[in-house]
Amino acid sequence: MKKFLLVMFLLLAMSSFAAAEDKVIYFYNWSEYLPEAVMKQFTDETGIKIIYTTYDSNEALYAKIKLLGGEGYDLVVPSTYYVNKMSKEGLLSKLDLTKLTNFKNLDPQQLNKPFDPGNQFSIPYLWGSTGIIVNSAQIDPAKAVSWADLWKPEFKGKILLLNDVRDVFFMALRTLGYSGNSTNPEEIKKAYEKLALLAPSVRVFNSDTPRIPYISGEVSVGMIWNGEAFMAAQENKNFKYIYPKEGAILWMDNLSIPKKAKNVENAYKLMDFLLRPEIAKTISEEIGYASPNREAVKLLDKKVRENRTIYPNQKDLANADFQVDIGETITMYENYWEKLKTGR
């Protein structure tokens, strides 16, 4: 009888443990990219706990998922060209869009992009741009209207560059009149040489929370994502976001399910929750990036909808371009990147 009771106890314990495991989702996302209140509301409504960990670059996300073979996480947020790269390498699951009742809320203009035709592996989460930020209390914004202006001697020691190889090389390539997605070895070499001239002026590389060095006064001009610029301006109105003349860098961050995710149904539940207009509205307002959710945009306060840092007009987007997958050429970029950052 004792043995029977022990077995029953163990079975019940295992059942309870399995049930507890079923009530989680492992979400790997960018830093400060999902409001705490949104996570709490999801857990309160569903009982599903979000185990939230962060990264500061697509390269870090890719390396981790590649190392794990698509395991370990249930939901990830790769940017534009990394959706294409990771899906081609079998690291992402094909989505069943019929499980997303709120998919209809997305703006059709933000769907079916070349990096993921038919949204087979991803759905848009937020989109934005990479441009220039200036502390107008220290620098006249008229002196930093193009990427090329960052090379001005007067900015030495005052510059922040994103800790992102593609963003930084995109900027340099554009100043030389080349495509930001160049695969031409000579053009990439020239971009590296130009960046080597800029390196002594760079005080810090930061892609975690790049607004912080600006707010603290460590730097006063350089690269930034528009959402970070928006948050910086919320704290200090002297920060101005500028769309460079050579063209801003456009990107879209997307929700994807890794190939070997364990809590797939929970991933779909969270994705559908994030597609609710009122939830997408909250995220856009707090994080400071543009929502691809058409119904959410309608709910936004007018001052947010008309804030050009978040929602640029056509003039702002002149010459702007998305990054695309450059295949094996990325190795060349990374080799030059290492040389640039180590000063070799």
Protein backbone atom coordinates (compact mmCIF):
# COMPACT_ATOMS: atom_id res chain seq x y z
CA MET A 1 0.00 0.00 0.00
CA LYS A 2 2.86 2.35 0.89
CA LYS A 3 4.53 1.60 -2.44
CA PHE A 4 1.26 2.32 -4.25
CA LEU A 5 0.87 5.67 -2.45
CA LEU A 6 4.49 6.58 -3.23
CA VAL A 7 3.99 5.83 -6.92
CA MET A 8 0.79 7.88 -6.96
CA PHE A 9 2.57 10.76 -5.23
CA LEU A 10 5.40 10.68 -7.78
CA LEU A 11 2.96 10.57 -10.69
CA LEU A 12 1.03 13.53 -9.30
CA ALA A 13 4.27 15.44 -8.71
CA MET A 14 5.44 14.74 -12.26
CA SER A 15 2.06 15.79 -13.60
CA SER A 16 2.18 19.03 -11.65
CA PHE A 17 5.72 19.70 -12.85
CA ALA A 18 4.71 19.10 -16.47
CA ALA A 19 1.72 21.39 -16.05
CA ALA A 20 3.97 24.07 -14.61
CA GLU A 21 6.36 23.64 -17.53
CA ASP A 22 3.43 24.05 -19.93
CA LYS A 23 2.71 27.44 -18.38
CA VAL A 24 5.91 29.15 -19.53
CA ILE A 25 7.33 30.72 -22.65
CA TYR A 26 11.01 31.46 -23.18
CA PHE A 27 11.20 34.80 -25.00
CA TYR A 28 14.55 36.00 -26.37
CA ASN A 29 14.24 39.66 -27.35
CA TRP A 30 16.09 42.95 -27.68
CA SER A 31 16.81 44.93 -24.51
CA GLU A 32 13.93 47.10 -23.24
CA TYR A 33 11.67 45.94 -26.07
CA LEU A 34 8.59 44.74 -24.20
CA PRO A 35 6.97 46.76 -21.39
CA GLU A 36 6.74 45.05 -18.00
CA ALA A 37 3.04 45.95 -17.83
CA VAL A 38 2.38 44.07 -21.07
CA MET A 39 4.16 40.96 -19.79
CA LYS A 40 2.22 41.11 -16.53
CA GLN A 41 -1.12 41.47 -18.33
CA PHE A 42 -0.36 38.45 -20.52
CA THR A 43 0.51 36.32 -17.50
CA ASP A 44 -2.54 37.52 -15.56
CA GLU A 45 -4.83 36.61 -18.45
CA THR A 46 -3.29 33.28 -19.45
CA GLY A 47 -1.34 32.04 -16.45
CA ILE A 48 1.65 31.67 -18.76
CA LYS A 49 4.89 33.06 -17.30
CA ILE A 50 7.28 34.81 -19.69
CA ILE A 51 10.93 33.92 -19.09
CA TYR A 52 12.49 36.98 -20.69
CA THR A 53 16.15 37.25 -21.72
CA THR A 54 17.78 39.79 -23.99
CA TYR A 55 20.50 40.37 -26.58
CA ASP A 56 21.97 43.52 -28.13
CA SER A 57 22.55 42.49 -31.75
CA ASN A 58 21.23 40.18 -34.45
CA GLU A 59 24.65 38.55 -34.48
CA ALA A 60 24.28 37.62 -30.80
CA LEU A 61 20.78 36.22 -31.41
CA TYR A 62 21.92 34.24 -34.44
CA ALA A 63 25.00 32.81 -32.70
CA LYS A 64 22.94 31.64 -29.72
CA ILE A 65 20.18 30.02 -31.78
CA LYS A 66 22.73 28.48 -34.15
CA LEU A 67 24.67 27.03 -31.22
CA LEU A 68 21.49 25.56 -29.76
CA GLY A 69 20.25 24.29 -33.13
CA GLY A 70 16.98 26.18 -32.79
CA GLU A 71 16.31 24.97 -29.24
CA GLY A 72 16.11 26.79 -25.92
CA TYR A 73 13.66 29.55 -26.83
CA ASP A 74 10.02 29.69 -27.92
CA LEU A 75 9.93 33.16 -29.45
CA VAL A 76 12.68 35.37 -30.90
CA VAL A 77 12.81 38.76 -32.66
CA PRO A 78 15.22 38.77 -35.64
CA SER A 79 15.52 41.86 -37.81
CA THR A 80 14.83 42.04 -41.51
CA TYR A 81 17.64 40.16 -43.24
CA TYR A 82 18.22 37.76 -40.36
CA VAL A 83 14.75 36.28 -40.85
CA ASN A 84 15.87 35.26 -44.33
CA LYS A 85 19.23 33.97 -43.12
CA MET A 86 17.85 31.96 -40.20
CA SER A 87 14.96 30.48 -42.18
CA LYS A 88 17.32 29.34 -44.95
CA GLU A 89 19.48 27.63 -42.36
CA GLY A 90 16.52 25.76 -40.88
CA LEU A 91 16.55 27.62 -37.56
CA LEU A 92 12.97 28.93 -37.73
CA SER A 93 9.61 27.15 -37.85
CA LYS A 94 7.10 27.77 -40.62
CA LEU A 95 4.19 29.66 -39.08
CA ASP A 96 0.54 28.64 -39.05
CA LEU A 97 -1.07 32.06 -39.50
CA THR A 98 -4.53 30.59 -38.89
CA LYS A 99 -3.60 30.45 -35.19
CA LEU A 100 -3.28 34.25 -35.12
CA THR A 101 -6.79 35.69 -34.97
CA ASN A 102 -5.34 39.22 -34.74
CA PHE A 103 -3.12 38.90 -37.82
CA LYS A 104 -5.79 40.89 -39.69
CA ASN A 105 -4.82 43.99 -37.70
CA LEU A 106 -1.45 44.28 -39.45
CA ASP A 107 -0.95 46.84 -42.20
CA PRO A 108 -0.75 44.97 -45.55
CA GLN A 109 2.04 47.34 -46.61
CA GLN A 110 4.20 45.90 -43.82
CA LEU A 111 3.63 42.29 -44.90
CA ASN A 112 4.98 39.99 -47.60
CA LYS A 113 8.43 41.60 -47.65
CA PRO A 114 11.26 40.20 -49.81
CA PHE A 115 13.06 38.82 -46.74
CA ASP A 116 10.00 36.63 -45.95
CA PRO A 117 7.49 36.29 -48.81
CA GLY A 118 4.05 35.38 -47.50
CA ASN A 119 5.24 35.81 -43.90
CA GLN A 120 6.01 32.12 -43.73
CA PHE A 121 8.52 32.50 -40.89
CA SER A 122 7.81 35.86 -39.27
CA ILE A 123 5.29 38.56 -38.49
CA PRO A 124 6.26 42.22 -37.99
CA TYR A 125 6.60 43.45 -34.42
CA LEU A 126 8.03 46.97 -34.70
CA TRP A 127 9.80 48.93 -37.41
CA GLY A 128 12.04 51.95 -37.44
CA SER A 129 15.17 53.61 -38.64
CA THR A 130 18.77 54.24 -37.73
CA GLY A 131 19.82 57.87 -38.00
CA ILE A 132 21.75 60.62 -36.25
CA ILE A 133 21.13 62.11 -32.82
CA VAL A 134 22.48 65.43 -31.65
CA ASN A 135 22.48 67.11 -28.25
CA SER A 136 21.46 70.55 -29.48
CA ALA A 137 22.62 72.15 -26.22
CA GLN A 138 26.18 71.25 -27.24
CA ILE A 139 26.10 70.96 -31.04
CA ASP A 140 24.11 72.87 -33.66
CA PRO A 141 21.91 70.22 -35.41
CA ALA A 142 22.60 72.00 -38.72
CA LYS A 143 26.19 70.73 -38.44
CA ALA A 144 25.15 67.06 -38.46
CA VAL A 145 22.64 66.59 -41.26
CA SER A 146 24.49 63.81 -43.08
CA TRP A 147 26.44 60.67 -42.20
CA ALA A 148 29.53 62.35 -43.70
CA ASP A 149 29.33 65.08 -41.05
CA LEU A 150 30.41 62.61 -38.37
CA TRP A 151 33.93 62.80 -39.80
CA LYS A 152 34.23 66.49 -38.86
CA PRO A 153 37.29 67.09 -36.63
CA GLU A 154 35.22 69.14 -34.18
CA PHE A 155 33.32 65.97 -33.18
CA LYS A 156 36.42 64.06 -32.10
CA GLY A 157 35.78 62.15 -28.88
CA LYS A 158 32.08 63.01 -28.90
CA ILE A 159 30.74 60.25 -31.17
CA LEU A 160 28.81 57.06 -30.48
CA LEU A 161 28.53 54.33 -33.11
CA LEU A 162 26.17 51.42 -32.75
CA ASN A 163 27.88 48.15 -31.89
CA ASP A 164 26.53 46.67 -35.12
CA VAL A 165 28.74 45.78 -38.06
CA ARG A 166 26.04 46.14 -40.72
CA ASP A 167 24.70 49.48 -39.48
CA VAL A 168 28.16 51.03 -39.23
CA PHE A 169 29.33 49.76 -42.62
CA PHE A 170 26.00 50.73 -44.20
CA MET A 171 26.64 54.29 -43.04
CA ALA A 172 30.20 54.34 -44.38
CA LEU A 173 29.23 52.79 -47.72
CA ARG A 174 26.52 55.41 -48.20
CA THR A 175 28.96 58.26 -47.58
CA LEU A 176 31.05 56.85 -50.45
CA GLY A 177 28.05 56.69 -52.76
CA TYR A 178 27.77 52.88 -52.64
CA SER A 179 24.88 50.62 -51.72
CA GLY A 180 24.63 49.94 -48.01
CA ASN A 181 24.21 46.28 -48.96
CA SER A 182 27.36 46.11 -51.08
CA THR A 183 29.02 42.74 -51.70
CA ASN A 184 31.85 44.31 -53.71
CA PRO A 185 35.18 43.61 -51.95
CA GLU A 186 36.76 46.88 -53.15
CA GLU A 187 33.81 48.95 -51.92
CA ILE A 188 33.81 47.20 -48.54
CA LYS A 189 37.55 47.76 -48.19
CA LYS A 190 37.13 51.47 -48.95
CA ALA A 191 34.35 51.66 -46.36
CA TYR A 192 36.68 50.09 -43.78
CA GLU A 193 39.43 52.58 -44.65
CA LYS A 194 36.98 55.45 -44.23
CA LEU A 195 35.81 54.08 -40.88
CA ALA A 196 39.43 53.73 -39.76
CA LEU A 197 39.70 57.51 -40.17
CA LEU A 198 36.62 57.95 -37.98
CA ALA A 199 37.70 55.51 -35.27
CA PRO A 200 39.82 58.01 -33.25
CA SER A 201 36.72 60.22 -32.91
CA VAL A 202 34.56 57.41 -31.55
CA ARG A 203 34.20 57.40 -27.78
CA VAL A 204 31.96 54.35 -27.47
CA PHE A 205 30.25 51.54 -29.38
CA ASN A 206 26.85 50.71 -27.88
CA SER A 207 23.85 48.71 -29.09
CA ASP A 208 22.38 47.76 -25.74
CA THR A 209 20.82 51.04 -24.60
CA PRO A 210 22.60 53.62 -26.79
CA ARG A 211 20.58 56.54 -25.44
CA ILE A 212 22.29 56.23 -22.03
CA PRO A 213 25.74 57.55 -23.07
CA TYR A 214 23.98 60.52 -24.71
CA ILE A 215 21.83 61.25 -21.65
CA SER A 216 24.81 60.94 -19.29
CA GLY A 217 26.82 63.41 -21.39
CA GLU A 218 29.47 60.89 -22.36
CA VAL A 219 28.78 61.60 -26.06
CA SER A 220 26.81 64.28 -27.88
CA VAL A 221 26.45 63.14 -31.52
CA GLY A 222 26.37 59.90 -33.47
CA MET A 223 24.24 56.95 -34.53
CA ILE A 224 21.06 55.82 -32.82
CA TRP A 225 17.82 53.95 -33.42
CA ASN A 226 14.82 56.24 -33.66
CA GLY A 227 13.06 54.67 -30.66
CA GLU A 228 16.08 55.25 -28.47
CA ALA A 229 16.16 58.85 -29.73
CA PHE A 230 12.49 59.21 -28.83
CA MET A 231 13.13 57.98 -25.28
CA ALA A 232 16.17 60.25 -24.93
CA ALA A 233 14.07 63.25 -25.97
CA GLN A 234 11.47 62.30 -23.36
CA GLU A 235 14.16 62.87 -20.72
CA ASN A 236 15.88 65.82 -22.36
CA LYS A 237 14.22 67.90 -25.06
CA ASN A 238 17.62 69.03 -26.38
CA PHE A 239 18.08 65.70 -28.17
CA LYS A 240 17.19 65.95 -31.85
CA TYR A 241 16.82 63.01 -34.26
CA ILE A 242 18.01 63.60 -37.83
CA TYR A 243 17.35 61.59 -40.99
CA PRO A 244 20.73 61.73 -42.83
CA LYS A 245 20.84 63.13 -46.37
CA GLU A 246 22.48 59.94 -47.68
CA GLY A 247 19.51 57.98 -46.35
CA ALA A 248 18.49 56.45 -43.05
CA ILE A 249 18.83 52.73 -42.44
CA LEU A 250 15.41 51.08 -42.29
CA TRP A 251 14.69 47.88 -40.40
CA MET A 252 11.84 45.74 -39.18
CA ASP A 253 11.96 43.50 -36.12
CA ASN A 254 9.86 40.37 -36.40
CA LEU A 255 8.36 37.68 -34.19
CA SER A 256 9.55 34.18 -35.10
CA ILE A 257 9.38 30.72 -33.53
CA PRO A 258 12.67 28.77 -33.44
CA LYS A 259 12.65 25.40 -35.17
CA LYS A 260 12.84 23.29 -32.00
CA ALA A 261 10.77 25.44 -29.65
CA LYS A 262 9.16 23.43 -26.85
CA ASN A 263 6.21 25.69 -25.98
CA VAL A 264 4.91 26.42 -29.46
CA GLU A 265 1.26 26.92 -28.54
CA ASN A 266 2.26 29.41 -25.87
CA ALA A 267 4.33 31.23 -28.47
CA TYR A 268 1.27 31.59 -30.70
CA LYS A 269 -0.77 32.84 -27.73
CA LEU A 270 1.81 35.52 -26.96
CA MET A 271 2.12 36.52 -30.63
CA ASP A 272 -1.65 36.89 -30.94
CA PHE A 273 -1.76 38.87 -27.69
CA LEU A 274 0.89 41.27 -29.01
CA LEU A 275 -1.19 41.78 -32.16
CA ARG A 276 -4.13 43.19 -30.20
CA PRO A 277 -4.53 46.86 -31.17
CA GLU A 278 -4.54 48.14 -27.59
CA ILE A 279 -1.45 46.08 -26.70
CA ALA A 280 0.45 47.10 -29.84
CA LYS A 281 -0.48 50.72 -29.06
CA THR A 282 0.98 50.46 -25.56
CA ILE A 283 4.20 48.95 -26.90
CA SER A 284 4.64 51.63 -29.57
CA GLU A 285 3.99 54.48 -27.13
CA GLU A 286 6.32 53.18 -24.44
CA ILE A 287 9.14 51.79 -26.58
CA GLY A 288 9.09 54.62 -29.12
CA TYR A 289 9.11 52.63 -32.37
CA ALA A 290 6.54 52.53 -35.14
CA SER A 291 3.90 49.82 -35.01
CA PRO A 292 3.07 47.79 -38.13
CA ASN A 293 -0.36 47.27 -36.58
CA ARG A 294 -2.80 49.40 -38.60
CA GLU A 295 -5.53 49.26 -35.95
CA ALA A 296 -3.08 50.19 -33.19
CA VAL A 297 -1.88 53.27 -35.08
CA LYS A 298 -5.48 54.51 -35.23
CA LEU A 299 -5.58 54.44 -31.42
CA LEU A 300 -2.38 56.43 -30.92
CA ASP A 301 -2.48 59.95 -29.57
CA LYS A 302 -2.15 62.51 -32.36
CA LYS A 303 1.13 63.85 -30.99
CA VAL A 304 2.61 60.34 -31.25
CA ARG A 305 1.23 59.67 -34.74
CA GLU A 306 2.65 62.99 -35.90
CA ASN A 307 6.01 62.61 -34.17
CA ARG A 308 8.43 62.31 -37.10
CA THR A 309 11.03 60.55 -34.99
CA ILE A 310 8.63 57.60 -34.74
CA TYR A 311 6.49 57.99 -37.86
CA PRO A 312 8.61 59.64 -40.61
CA ASN A 313 7.12 61.27 -43.69
CA GLN A 314 8.14 60.55 -47.28
CA LYS A 315 10.72 63.34 -47.28
CA ASP A 316 12.38 61.84 -44.18
CA LEU A 317 12.62 58.49 -45.94
CA ALA A 318 14.23 59.84 -49.11
CA ASN A 319 17.18 57.56 -49.98
CA ALA A 320 16.39 55.31 -46.98
CA ASP A 321 16.84 51.61 -47.51
CA PHE A 322 16.41 48.24 -45.79
CA GLN A 323 19.35 45.97 -45.15
CA VAL A 324 19.29 42.63 -46.99
CA ASP A 325 21.10 39.35 -46.48
CA ILE A 326 24.57 39.57 -48.05
CA GLY A 327 25.36 35.88 -47.72
CA GLU A 328 28.97 34.80 -47.22
CA THR A 329 30.16 38.39 -47.72
CA ILE A 330 29.31 38.99 -44.05
CA THR A 331 32.59 37.24 -43.17
CA MET A 332 34.50 39.99 -44.95
CA TYR A 333 32.53 42.64 -43.05
CA GLU A 334 33.20 40.90 -39.74
CA ASN A 335 36.95 40.63 -40.40
CA TYR A 336 37.17 44.36 -41.08
CA TRP A 337 34.92 45.04 -38.09
CA GLU A 338 37.29 43.20 -35.78
CA LYS A 339 40.24 45.17 -37.16
CA LEU A 340 38.33 48.42 -36.74
CA LYS A 341 37.42 47.82 -33.11
CA THR A 342 40.82 46.48 -32.05
CA GLY A 343 42.77 49.12 -33.95
CA ARG A 344 44.83 46.55 -35.85
